Protein backbone atom coordinates (compact mmCIF):
# COMPACT_ATOMS: atom_id res chain seq x y z
CA ASN A 1 7.45 -5.85 2.01
CA THR A 2 3.98 -6.17 3.46
CA GLU A 3 3.93 -9.93 4.04
CA PRO A 4 2.71 -10.74 7.58
CA VAL A 5 5.37 -12.43 9.72
CA LEU A 6 3.78 -12.38 13.17
CA ARG A 7 0.21 -12.09 14.40
CA ILE A 8 -0.28 -11.19 18.04
CA SER A 9 -3.34 -11.46 20.27
CA SER A 10 -3.05 -8.94 23.09
CA ASN A 11 -5.24 -6.40 24.87
CA ALA A 12 -2.39 -3.87 24.83
CA SER A 13 -0.18 -2.83 21.94
CA PRO A 14 2.71 -5.33 21.69
CA GLY A 15 5.19 -2.54 20.91
CA TYR A 16 8.79 -3.75 20.81
CA LEU A 17 9.23 -7.52 20.35
CA ARG A 18 12.86 -8.48 20.81
CA GLY A 19 14.63 -10.96 18.58
CA MET A 20 18.37 -10.43 19.15
CA ALA A 21 20.55 -8.16 21.26
CA PHE A 22 24.17 -7.15 20.75
CA TYR A 23 26.90 -5.69 22.97
CA LYS A 24 30.07 -5.48 20.89
CA TYR A 25 30.48 -3.00 18.03
CA HIS A 26 33.59 -3.52 15.90
CA GLN A 27 34.51 -2.61 12.33
CA SER A 28 31.12 -1.12 11.49
CA GLU A 29 29.18 -4.16 12.73
CA TRP A 30 27.45 -5.43 15.85
CA HIS A 31 28.63 -8.87 16.94
CA ASP A 32 26.68 -11.49 18.86
CA MET A 33 28.85 -12.66 21.76
CA SER A 34 26.07 -14.52 23.54
CA ALA A 35 26.19 -18.01 24.97
CA ARG A 36 22.75 -19.56 25.14
CA GLU A 37 21.69 -21.93 27.91
CA PRO A 38 18.99 -24.60 27.50
CA ILE A 39 15.76 -24.06 29.45
CA PRO A 40 13.88 -27.33 30.02
CA PRO A 41 10.10 -27.23 30.46
CA GLU A 42 8.71 -26.91 33.96
CA GLN A 43 5.51 -28.79 33.20
CA GLY A 44 3.40 -29.92 30.30
CA GLY A 45 -0.04 -28.63 29.43
CA LEU A 46 -2.91 -30.60 30.99
CA LEU A 47 -5.06 -30.79 27.86
CA SER A 48 -2.55 -29.87 25.18
CA ARG A 49 0.88 -30.61 23.81
CA THR A 50 2.36 -27.32 25.01
CA ASN A 51 5.08 -26.99 27.65
CA LEU A 52 5.57 -24.23 30.22
CA PHE A 53 9.02 -22.61 30.45
CA ARG A 54 9.64 -20.44 33.52
CA LEU A 55 12.16 -17.67 32.80
CA SER A 56 11.74 -15.43 35.84
CA ASP A 57 10.42 -15.50 39.39
CA ARG A 58 8.60 -12.22 38.80
CA GLU A 59 4.81 -12.25 38.77
CA PRO A 60 3.57 -11.45 35.23
CA THR A 61 1.10 -8.62 34.70
CA ARG A 62 0.25 -9.16 31.02
CA LYS A 63 -0.02 -11.89 28.42
CA MET A 64 0.09 -12.11 24.65
CA THR A 65 -0.16 -14.92 22.13
CA ILE A 66 2.30 -14.74 19.24
CA ARG A 67 1.91 -16.68 16.03
CA HIS A 68 4.54 -17.07 13.29
CA GLU A 69 2.68 -16.53 10.02
CA SER A 70 5.67 -17.49 7.89
CA VAL A 71 9.02 -19.22 8.24
CA VAL A 72 11.43 -17.10 10.30
CA ILE A 73 14.78 -17.69 11.96
CA ASP A 74 14.95 -19.71 15.16
CA THR A 75 14.11 -16.65 17.25
CA MET A 76 10.98 -16.50 19.39
CA PHE A 77 9.98 -12.85 19.63
CA THR A 78 9.19 -11.63 23.14
CA PRO A 79 8.84 -8.30 24.95
CA LEU A 80 11.34 -7.02 27.48
CA GLY A 81 10.42 -8.42 30.90
CA VAL A 82 9.26 -11.88 29.82
CA CYS A 83 8.44 -14.17 32.77
CA SER A 84 7.33 -17.39 31.09
CA VAL A 85 6.60 -18.94 27.70
CA GLU A 86 4.08 -21.69 26.97
CA ALA A 87 4.79 -23.30 23.61
CA PRO A 88 4.49 -26.62 21.74
CA VAL A 89 8.29 -27.14 21.77
CA THR A 90 10.45 -29.43 23.87
CA MET A 91 13.29 -27.02 24.68
CA LEU A 92 14.03 -23.29 24.72
CA PHE A 93 17.41 -21.59 24.68
CA ARG A 94 17.95 -18.27 26.46
CA ASP A 95 20.76 -15.77 26.38
CA ASP A 96 21.46 -15.15 30.05
CA ASP A 97 22.94 -11.72 29.32
CA ASP A 98 20.08 -10.16 27.39
CA GLY A 99 17.12 -12.52 27.87
CA THR A 100 16.44 -13.19 24.18
CA ILE A 101 14.96 -16.61 23.41
CA ASN A 102 15.14 -19.08 20.56
CA SER A 103 14.17 -22.63 19.75
CA ARG A 104 15.31 -25.12 17.16
CA GLU A 105 11.67 -26.06 16.62
CA THR A 106 10.40 -22.74 15.23
CA ARG A 107 8.25 -23.05 12.12
CA ALA A 108 5.47 -21.38 10.23
CA ASN A 109 2.18 -21.56 12.17
CA LEU A 110 3.99 -21.88 15.52
CA SER A 111 1.93 -20.26 18.27
CA TYR A 112 3.10 -19.54 21.82
CA GLU A 113 1.85 -17.59 24.83
CA VAL A 114 4.14 -15.10 26.56
CA ALA A 115 3.55 -13.87 30.11
CA TYR A 116 5.53 -10.75 30.99
CA THR A 117 5.76 -7.83 33.36
CA ASN A 118 5.67 -4.17 32.43
CA SER A 119 8.16 -3.46 35.21
CA LEU A 120 11.44 -2.86 33.39
CA SER A 121 13.53 -3.24 36.53
CA ILE A 122 13.59 -6.96 35.82
CA ASN A 123 16.95 -8.65 35.11
CA PRO A 124 19.42 -5.86 36.00
CA PRO A 125 22.80 -6.24 34.26
CA SER A 126 25.76 -7.78 36.08
CA GLY A 127 29.09 -6.05 36.47
CA ASP A 128 30.49 -7.89 33.44
CA GLN A 129 27.47 -6.87 31.37
CA ILE A 130 27.87 -3.24 32.42
CA ARG A 131 31.47 -3.38 31.23
CA LEU A 132 30.42 -4.78 27.84
CA MET A 133 27.60 -2.24 27.54
CA ARG A 134 30.03 0.62 28.05
CA GLY A 135 32.56 -0.69 25.55
CA ARG A 136 33.78 1.79 22.94
CA PRO A 137 34.96 0.86 19.45
CA PRO A 138 38.73 1.15 19.04
CA GLN A 139 40.03 4.09 17.01
CA LEU A 140 36.76 5.97 17.24
CA ASP A 141 36.87 9.18 15.21
CA ARG A 142 37.60 12.26 17.35
CA ARG A 143 34.66 14.09 15.76
CA ILE A 144 32.27 11.63 17.43
CA TYR A 145 33.70 12.55 20.84
CA GLN A 146 33.19 16.20 19.98
CA LEU A 147 29.62 15.49 18.91
CA ALA A 148 28.93 13.69 22.20
CA ALA A 149 30.23 16.69 24.16
CA LYS A 150 27.83 18.90 22.20
CA VAL A 151 24.78 16.62 22.45
CA PHE A 152 25.10 15.96 26.19
CA ARG A 153 26.18 19.41 27.33
CA GLY A 154 24.53 20.17 30.67
CA CYS A 155 23.22 16.60 31.17
CA ASP A 156 23.84 14.96 34.52
CA THR A 157 21.43 12.04 34.87
CA THR A 158 20.89 9.01 32.63
CA ALA A 159 17.34 10.18 31.87
CA GLN A 160 18.63 13.57 30.73
CA LYS A 161 21.23 11.95 28.47
CA ILE A 162 18.67 9.63 26.88
CA ASP A 163 16.32 12.53 26.27
CA ALA A 164 19.15 14.58 24.75
CA VAL A 165 20.30 11.92 22.25
CA THR A 166 16.73 11.14 21.21
CA ARG A 167 15.94 14.82 20.69
CA TYR A 168 19.18 15.34 18.72
CA PHE A 169 18.44 12.65 16.13
CA GLN A 170 14.75 13.40 15.76
CA THR A 171 15.47 17.12 15.34
CA ASN A 172 18.47 17.01 13.01
CA TYR A 173 17.91 13.87 10.91
CA THR A 174 15.29 12.43 8.59
CA TYR A 175 14.46 8.79 7.87
CA SER A 176 15.70 7.40 4.56
CA LEU A 177 16.52 3.97 3.16
CA GLY A 178 18.76 5.47 0.51
CA LEU A 179 21.86 6.40 2.54
CA GLN A 180 24.94 5.83 0.42
CA VAL A 181 28.17 5.61 2.42
CA PRO A 182 31.44 6.14 0.47
CA ILE A 183 33.29 2.86 0.20
CA ASP A 184 36.39 4.23 1.94
CA GLN A 185 34.55 5.53 5.01
CA ASP A 186 33.33 3.95 8.23
CA ARG A 187 29.54 3.80 8.14
CA LEU A 188 28.89 4.94 11.70
CA THR A 189 31.37 7.81 11.45
CA TYR A 190 29.85 8.97 8.17
CA PHE A 191 26.33 8.83 9.57
CA LEU A 192 27.21 10.79 12.73
CA THR A 193 29.47 13.40 11.21
CA GLU A 194 28.38 13.98 7.61
CA ALA A 195 24.97 12.50 6.88
CA SER A 196 21.59 14.02 7.73
CA SER A 197 19.47 10.91 7.10
CA GLY A 198 19.52 7.17 7.62
CA TYR A 199 17.40 4.22 8.70
CA CYS A 200 16.79 2.53 12.03
CA GLU A 201 20.06 0.57 12.16
CA TYR A 202 22.04 3.80 11.87
CA PHE A 203 19.94 5.66 14.43
CA ALA A 204 20.14 2.83 16.95
CA SER A 205 23.89 2.31 16.46
CA GLY A 206 24.58 6.03 16.70
CA ALA A 207 22.49 6.43 19.87
CA ALA A 208 24.09 3.37 21.51
CA ILE A 209 27.65 4.55 20.90
CA LEU A 210 27.01 8.19 21.82
CA LEU A 211 25.41 7.14 25.11
CA ARG A 212 28.36 4.90 25.88
CA LEU A 213 30.67 7.87 25.51
CA VAL A 214 28.93 9.45 28.51
CA ASP A 215 28.96 6.21 30.53
CA VAL A 216 25.38 5.08 29.88
CA PRO A 217 25.36 1.25 29.44
CA THR A 218 23.55 0.30 26.22
CA ARG A 219 22.80 -2.68 24.01
CA TYR A 220 21.65 -2.74 20.39
CA VAL A 221 18.41 -4.71 19.85
CA THR A 222 16.65 -5.95 16.71
CA GLY A 223 13.16 -7.33 16.28
CA PHE A 224 9.74 -5.93 15.39
CA LEU A 225 7.97 -2.72 16.32
CA VAL A 226 4.31 -3.72 16.21
CA THR A 227 1.76 -0.91 15.84
CA GLU A 228 -0.75 -2.20 13.28
CA ARG A 229 -4.04 -3.74 14.36
CA GLY A 230 -6.04 -6.00 12.06
CA GLU A 231 -9.55 -4.86 11.28
CA GLU A 232 -11.29 -8.25 11.33
CA ASP A 233 -10.24 -10.08 14.50
CA GLY A 234 -8.51 -7.28 16.40
CA SER A 235 -5.14 -9.03 16.44
CA TRP A 236 -1.90 -7.12 15.93
CA VAL A 237 0.16 -7.69 12.79
CA ALA A 238 3.92 -7.54 12.28
CA ARG A 239 5.00 -7.45 8.66
CA ASN A 240 8.45 -7.72 7.09
CA MET A 241 8.43 -3.94 6.80
CA ASP A 242 8.08 -3.68 10.60
CA THR A 243 11.51 -5.09 11.40
CA HIS A 244 13.29 -2.53 13.55
CA ALA A 245 16.40 -1.70 15.55
CA TRP A 246 16.47 0.23 18.81
CA VAL A 247 18.51 0.67 22.00
CA GLU A 248 18.00 -0.61 25.52
CA ALA A 249 19.84 1.48 28.12
CA TRP A 250 20.28 0.78 31.82
CA ASP A 251 19.30 3.74 34.00
CA ARG A 252 21.45 3.24 37.08
CA GLU A 253 19.84 6.06 39.04
CA ASN A 254 16.37 4.51 38.73
CA ASN A 255 17.45 0.86 38.42
CA THR A 256 15.42 0.23 35.28
CA TRP A 257 15.79 -0.53 31.60
CA VAL A 258 14.80 2.22 29.19
CA ILE A 259 13.87 1.67 25.54
CA VAL A 260 15.61 4.40 23.55
CA GLU A 261 13.82 5.21 20.28
CA ALA A 262 16.17 7.49 18.37
CA THR A 263 14.89 6.80 14.85
CA ALA A 264 13.37 9.79 13.08
CA GLN A 265 9.60 9.50 13.29
CA GLU A 266 8.95 8.88 9.60
CA ASP A 267 9.89 5.24 10.22
CA LEU A 268 7.29 4.91 12.96
CA ALA A 269 4.30 6.03 10.90
CA ASP A 270 0.92 4.38 11.31
CA ASN A 271 0.59 1.31 9.09
CA SER A 272 -3.19 1.50 8.92
CA LEU A 273 -3.00 2.53 5.26
CA ILE A 274 -2.07 -1.02 4.24
CA ASP A 275 -4.38 -2.19 1.44
CA PRO A 276 -7.27 -4.05 3.14
CA GLN A 277 -7.22 -6.57 0.28
CA LEU A 278 -3.92 -7.87 1.65
CA GLU A 279 -5.76 -8.95 4.77
CA SER A 280 -8.61 -10.65 2.92
CA GLN A 281 -6.52 -12.72 0.50
CA GLY A 282 -6.54 -16.35 1.44
CA ARG A 283 -8.18 -15.74 4.82
CA GLY A 284 -10.24 -18.94 4.74
CA ARG A 285 -7.23 -21.00 3.71
CA LEU A 286 -5.16 -19.40 6.47
CA LEU A 287 -7.82 -20.20 9.08
CA LEU A 288 -7.90 -23.84 7.98
CA ALA A 289 -4.10 -24.07 8.21
CA ARG A 290 -4.17 -22.53 11.66
CA LEU A 291 -6.88 -24.94 12.82
CA THR A 292 -4.98 -27.97 11.56
CA GLN A 293 -1.80 -26.87 13.30
CA ALA A 294 -3.70 -26.00 16.50
CA ILE A 295 -5.25 -29.48 16.66
CA TYR A 296 -1.75 -30.90 16.38
CA ASP A 297 -0.37 -28.52 19.03
CA TYR A 298 -3.22 -28.50 21.53
CA GLY A 299 -5.27 -31.64 20.91
CA LEU A 300 -8.98 -31.89 20.14
CA VAL A 301 -10.02 -30.61 23.58
CA GLY A 302 -7.42 -27.87 23.94
CA VAL A 303 -8.14 -26.45 20.50
CA LEU A 304 -11.44 -24.96 21.73
CA GLY A 305 -9.58 -22.93 24.35
CA TRP A 306 -7.07 -21.93 21.67
CA PHE A 307 -9.87 -20.49 19.53
CA PHE A 308 -11.10 -18.24 22.32
CA GLU A 309 -7.52 -17.23 23.17
CA VAL A 310 -6.36 -16.31 19.68
CA TYR A 311 -9.53 -15.02 18.04
CA SER A 312 -12.24 -12.63 19.11
CA PHE A 313 -15.19 -14.01 21.07
CA GLN A 314 -17.53 -13.57 18.10
CA THR A 315 -15.19 -15.39 15.71
CA ALA A 316 -14.56 -18.20 18.18
CA VAL A 317 -18.28 -18.73 18.84
CA THR A 318 -19.11 -18.61 15.12
CA VAL A 319 -16.42 -21.15 14.20
CA SER A 320 -17.32 -23.39 17.16
CA LEU A 321 -20.99 -23.39 16.16
CA ALA A 322 -20.05 -24.07 12.56
CA PHE A 323 -17.99 -27.11 13.55
CA PHE A 324 -20.76 -28.31 15.89
CA ALA A 325 -23.33 -27.98 13.11
CA ALA A 326 -21.00 -29.81 10.71
CA ALA A 327 -20.51 -32.61 13.25
CA VAL A 328 -24.30 -32.95 13.77
CA ALA A 329 -24.91 -32.93 10.01
CA LEU A 330 -22.23 -35.58 9.49
CA ALA A 331 -23.74 -37.78 12.23
CA LEU A 332 -27.24 -37.47 10.73
CA LEU A 333 -25.90 -38.24 7.28
CA ARG A 334 -24.19 -41.38 8.52
CA ARG A 335 -27.38 -42.47 10.32
CA TYR A 336 -29.44 -41.88 7.17
CA ARG A 337 -27.02 -43.91 5.08
CA ARG A 338 -27.12 -46.81 7.55
CA LEU A 339 -30.94 -46.81 7.59
CA HIS A 340 -31.07 -46.56 3.81
CA LEU A 341 -28.60 -49.44 3.47
CA SER A 342 -30.60 -51.58 5.92
CA ARG A 343 -33.83 -51.00 3.95
CA ASN A 344 -32.18 -51.90 0.68
CA LYS A 345 -30.86 -55.13 2.17
CA ALA A 346 -34.30 -55.93 3.54
CA CYS A 347 -35.94 -55.34 0.18
CA SER A 348 -33.39 -57.42 -1.70
CA SER A 349 -33.55 -60.42 0.68
CA PRO A 350 -35.42 -63.48 -0.80
CA GLU A 351 -38.71 -64.46 0.85
CA LEU A 352 -38.64 -67.66 2.90
């Protein structure tokens, strides 16, 4: 549906925001084999209640602020290459294998800043990870091996193989939510050998397994593909309908991660046709809720910086002036009431 889940403030398009990553495919499902380690905060915010969590020694090149508009799972959505997270939580948990992050303190209205690098050579996989990322499902149908030989014919490098599998799916398949798999058939086998349509989970799973058959290490990733920009404040919006699945492959020749987008392009259409009324409903109430939560997260002083960080300059200035005017009006009103009360007492006092 079109309900907003995340709102992101960023100069660049957020693109792929990772939630979970998987290595093992067995019996038509991806399985999470991760062991998460706790990441304590490095330091607290000077004027706020946020904590800084350092996740990499790399120097970040970009930043974005992500806000949970509704209740979601304990995942904190971040781009590939995250270096640090500043958030009003006391502890983060990171999967050392894939770098995904979660917290037991996620909630609606949670806002956190992510610093990341656009260099995808960060966090190369270990030997054990490479082994997991090349794992093949047991008893894989022989027709899938034959398909892989056809798709990758003449390909030598990892880049050529990624280009070949992407081109194959986007040329021969269409996007559809209505794929019906016979109850007695394996879903992945049916999609690769008999179907001509599917949705992102099928495309990503198919691409990951086909690439593994030609020794390209892959992992299956789920999260949000964010492409919609709000018209009022310029922030980016991720809705329930923007949940997505894709592949991350390790290019050993170039020592870099590559995001493999195999889904037929109908799923990646521009979301700008969303009814503008959806954006305007309850906007004032939403702003008040955000302000209340921000005061709790950042304190009375830090909340001013939060306004300029999350909203456009014009919106931040307008709201700041409005609160200043309200504070002045409240002070004058209190002064008037005190003077009025003093005069009344003077008038009602008996003469000596």
